[in-house]
């Protein structure tokens, strides 16, 4: 079951009341598409059985074989639904113009106390399967069109783009990763 985002809770990292209390103007909502059940010594992309995010998604009634891209797109949709339910207090920023409009709205608030929050979507870990960057580009484009504006190259484990500080290689870009960044 989803947590009530617009009510103060003691679970999770954030909720809307805590964002307002902290006078947060811009919150990055980072989507994790895969996370190993054990963070130490992971050497490769986890299989579905070893992926904590798969089991979290299943607990939230997602299909067991839901792809990483579909999980990320689902998370994008969830943020848009929250924005639609917020009576204008939460907006998803995708462009410079939307950011400028948000900044103007925030600047006009009484006493400088924030009552509106902007969200930016991001994905942690670009997982390019089988070193095939070309095959991953359509998925990256789909995420971009869904509003994702920040992509982390690696997250909790090594992938074909780079090494995680938790992974076997201890960080840094691979040759493929340098090609992706260039």
Protein backbone atom coordinates (compact mmCIF):
# COMPACT_ATOMS: atom_id res chain seq x y z
CA UNK A 1 0.00 0.00 0.00
CA UNK A 2 1.17 3.51 -0.75
CA UNK A 3 2.08 5.86 2.07
CA UNK A 4 -0.08 8.99 2.35
CA UNK A 5 2.33 11.56 0.86
CA UNK A 6 0.31 14.58 1.96
CA UNK A 7 0.17 13.50 5.63
CA UNK A 8 3.06 13.50 8.08
CA UNK A 9 4.40 10.00 8.60
CA UNK A 10 7.34 8.54 10.45
CA UNK A 11 8.17 6.10 7.63
CA UNK A 12 10.35 6.92 4.67
CA UNK A 13 12.57 9.88 4.00
CA UNK A 14 10.03 12.51 3.06
CA UNK A 15 6.40 13.49 3.02
CA UNK A 16 4.82 16.77 1.95
CA UNK A 17 4.46 18.24 5.48
CA UNK A 18 8.17 17.63 6.16
CA UNK A 19 9.10 19.24 2.81
CA UNK A 20 7.10 22.33 3.79
CA UNK A 21 8.51 22.36 7.32
CA UNK A 22 12.03 22.25 5.92
CA UNK A 23 11.17 25.01 3.43
CA UNK A 24 12.27 22.74 0.58
CA UNK A 25 11.72 24.42 -2.77
CA UNK A 26 13.05 21.79 -5.16
CA UNK A 27 13.02 18.07 -4.40
CA UNK A 28 14.69 15.47 -6.61
CA UNK A 29 12.60 12.30 -6.77
CA UNK A 30 15.11 9.63 -7.69
CA UNK A 31 13.88 6.33 -9.09
CA UNK A 32 15.82 3.21 -8.20
CA UNK A 33 15.24 0.49 -10.79
CA UNK A 34 17.39 -2.23 -9.23
CA UNK A 35 19.07 -2.78 -5.88
CA UNK A 36 20.85 -5.89 -4.65
CA UNK A 37 19.51 -7.54 -1.54
CA UNK A 38 23.09 -7.60 -0.23
CA UNK A 39 25.11 -4.44 -0.91
CA UNK A 40 28.59 -5.81 -0.36
CA UNK A 41 30.56 -7.84 -2.86
CA UNK A 42 28.03 -7.70 -5.65
CA UNK A 43 29.78 -8.40 -8.91
CA UNK A 44 27.15 -8.01 -11.60
CA UNK A 45 23.59 -6.97 -12.26
CA UNK A 46 21.41 -8.91 -9.87
CA UNK A 47 19.03 -11.50 -11.23
CA UNK A 48 15.35 -10.98 -10.53
CA UNK A 49 15.56 -13.16 -7.40
CA UNK A 50 18.36 -11.04 -5.91
CA UNK A 51 16.82 -7.66 -6.76
CA UNK A 52 15.24 -5.93 -3.76
CA UNK A 53 13.32 -3.52 -6.00
CA UNK A 54 11.62 -6.41 -7.79
CA UNK A 55 10.29 -7.70 -4.49
CA UNK A 56 9.24 -4.22 -3.40
CA UNK A 57 7.37 -3.75 -6.69
CA UNK A 58 5.67 -7.15 -6.28
CA UNK A 59 4.62 -6.15 -2.75
CA UNK A 60 2.99 -3.10 -4.37
CA UNK A 61 1.07 -5.38 -6.77
CA UNK A 62 3.37 -4.99 -9.78
CA UNK A 63 3.91 -8.05 -11.99
CA UNK A 64 6.95 -10.14 -11.03
CA UNK A 65 8.50 -9.76 -14.49
CA UNK A 66 7.89 -6.00 -14.82
CA UNK A 67 10.88 -4.49 -16.64
CA UNK A 68 13.11 -1.85 -15.10
CA UNK A 69 11.93 0.71 -17.65
CA UNK A 70 8.28 -0.05 -16.87
CA UNK A 71 8.98 0.27 -13.13
CA UNK A 72 10.62 3.65 -13.73
CA UNK A 73 7.74 4.85 -15.90
CA UNK A 74 5.30 3.72 -13.21
CA UNK A 75 7.19 5.80 -10.63
CA UNK A 76 7.03 8.83 -12.97
CA UNK A 77 3.26 8.40 -13.23
CA UNK A 78 2.96 8.19 -9.45
CA UNK A 79 4.64 11.58 -9.05
CA UNK A 80 2.35 13.13 -11.69
CA UNK A 81 -0.68 11.71 -9.84
CA UNK A 82 0.57 13.24 -6.58
CA UNK A 83 1.03 16.60 -8.33
CA UNK A 84 -2.53 16.37 -9.69
CA UNK A 85 -3.86 15.71 -6.17
CA UNK A 86 -1.88 18.57 -4.59
CA UNK A 87 -4.12 21.53 -5.53
CA UNK A 88 -1.14 23.22 -7.17
CA UNK A 89 1.20 22.81 -4.21
CA UNK A 90 3.42 20.21 -5.93
CA UNK A 91 4.55 20.58 -9.51
CA UNK A 92 6.84 18.47 -11.66
CA UNK A 93 9.49 20.57 -13.40
CA UNK A 94 10.72 19.44 -16.81
CA UNK A 95 11.85 22.63 -18.55
CA UNK A 96 13.62 25.92 -17.85
CA UNK A 97 10.31 27.72 -18.42
CA UNK A 98 8.52 25.52 -15.88
CA UNK A 99 11.32 26.14 -13.38
CA UNK A 100 11.10 29.91 -13.96
CA UNK A 101 7.30 29.83 -13.47
CA UNK A 102 7.74 27.84 -10.27
CA UNK A 103 10.35 30.30 -8.98
CA UNK A 104 7.98 33.21 -9.66
CA UNK A 105 5.14 31.45 -7.83
CA UNK A 106 7.35 30.65 -4.89
CA UNK A 107 8.69 34.22 -4.72
CA UNK A 108 5.17 35.65 -4.41
CA UNK A 109 4.33 33.64 -1.29
CA UNK A 110 3.72 35.52 1.94
CA UNK A 111 6.71 35.96 4.26
CA UNK A 112 8.89 33.85 2.02
CA UNK A 113 7.53 30.68 3.63
CA UNK A 114 7.25 28.03 0.97
CA UNK A 115 3.86 26.49 0.39
CA UNK A 116 4.70 25.05 -3.02
CA UNK A 117 7.32 22.48 -3.90
CA UNK A 118 8.74 21.53 -7.30
CA UNK A 119 9.84 18.01 -8.07
CA UNK A 120 12.43 16.86 -10.58
CA UNK A 121 12.48 13.22 -11.67
CA UNK A 122 15.72 11.27 -11.84
CA UNK A 123 16.87 7.68 -12.31
CA UNK A 124 19.70 6.11 -10.34
CA UNK A 125 21.75 3.77 -12.51
CA UNK A 126 21.58 3.47 -16.28
CA UNK A 127 21.73 -0.25 -16.83
CA UNK A 128 22.89 -1.00 -20.37
CA UNK A 129 22.43 -4.69 -20.93
CA UNK A 130 25.07 -6.59 -22.93
CA UNK A 131 27.11 -3.41 -23.60
CA UNK A 132 24.49 -2.36 -26.15
CA UNK A 133 24.13 1.42 -25.73
CA UNK A 134 22.12 1.70 -28.94
CA UNK A 135 19.50 -0.67 -27.55
CA UNK A 136 19.25 1.39 -24.35
CA UNK A 137 18.69 4.74 -26.10
CA UNK A 138 14.97 4.18 -26.78
CA UNK A 139 14.42 3.47 -23.07
CA UNK A 140 16.38 6.58 -22.08
CA UNK A 141 14.26 8.56 -24.56
CA UNK A 142 11.06 7.11 -23.05
CA UNK A 143 12.20 8.18 -19.60
CA UNK A 144 13.08 11.64 -20.85
CA UNK A 145 9.63 12.01 -22.45
CA UNK A 146 8.11 10.90 -19.13
CA UNK A 147 9.86 13.83 -17.43
CA UNK A 148 13.12 12.34 -16.15
CA UNK A 149 15.78 15.04 -16.20
CA UNK A 150 18.64 13.46 -14.26
CA UNK A 151 20.34 10.14 -14.90
CA UNK A 152 22.90 8.64 -12.54
CA UNK A 153 25.27 6.32 -14.36
CA UNK A 154 25.63 3.73 -11.59
CA UNK A 155 23.96 3.23 -8.24
CA UNK A 156 24.34 0.34 -5.82
CA UNK A 157 26.26 -2.11 -7.97
CA UNK A 158 28.57 -2.30 -10.95
CA UNK A 159 27.04 -2.16 -14.38
CA UNK A 160 28.47 -2.05 -17.89
CA UNK A 161 28.86 1.74 -17.69
CA UNK A 162 30.83 1.93 -14.46
CA UNK A 163 31.73 0.60 -11.07
CA UNK A 164 29.84 1.41 -7.89
CA UNK A 165 31.61 2.08 -4.63
CA UNK A 166 29.68 -0.97 -3.38
CA UNK A 167 30.72 -3.14 -6.31
CA UNK A 168 33.69 -5.29 -7.20
CA UNK A 169 35.50 -2.54 -9.12
CA UNK A 170 35.12 0.19 -6.50
CA UNK A 171 34.02 2.98 -8.83
CA UNK A 172 34.94 4.63 -12.08
CA UNK A 173 33.76 4.51 -15.66
CA UNK A 174 34.34 1.56 -17.94
CA UNK A 175 35.42 2.06 -21.56
CA UNK A 176 31.72 1.87 -22.50
CA UNK A 177 30.92 4.41 -19.79
CA UNK A 178 33.47 6.85 -21.17
CA UNK A 179 31.89 6.41 -24.60
CA UNK A 180 28.39 7.07 -23.17
CA UNK A 181 29.56 10.23 -21.40
CA UNK A 182 31.45 11.51 -24.42
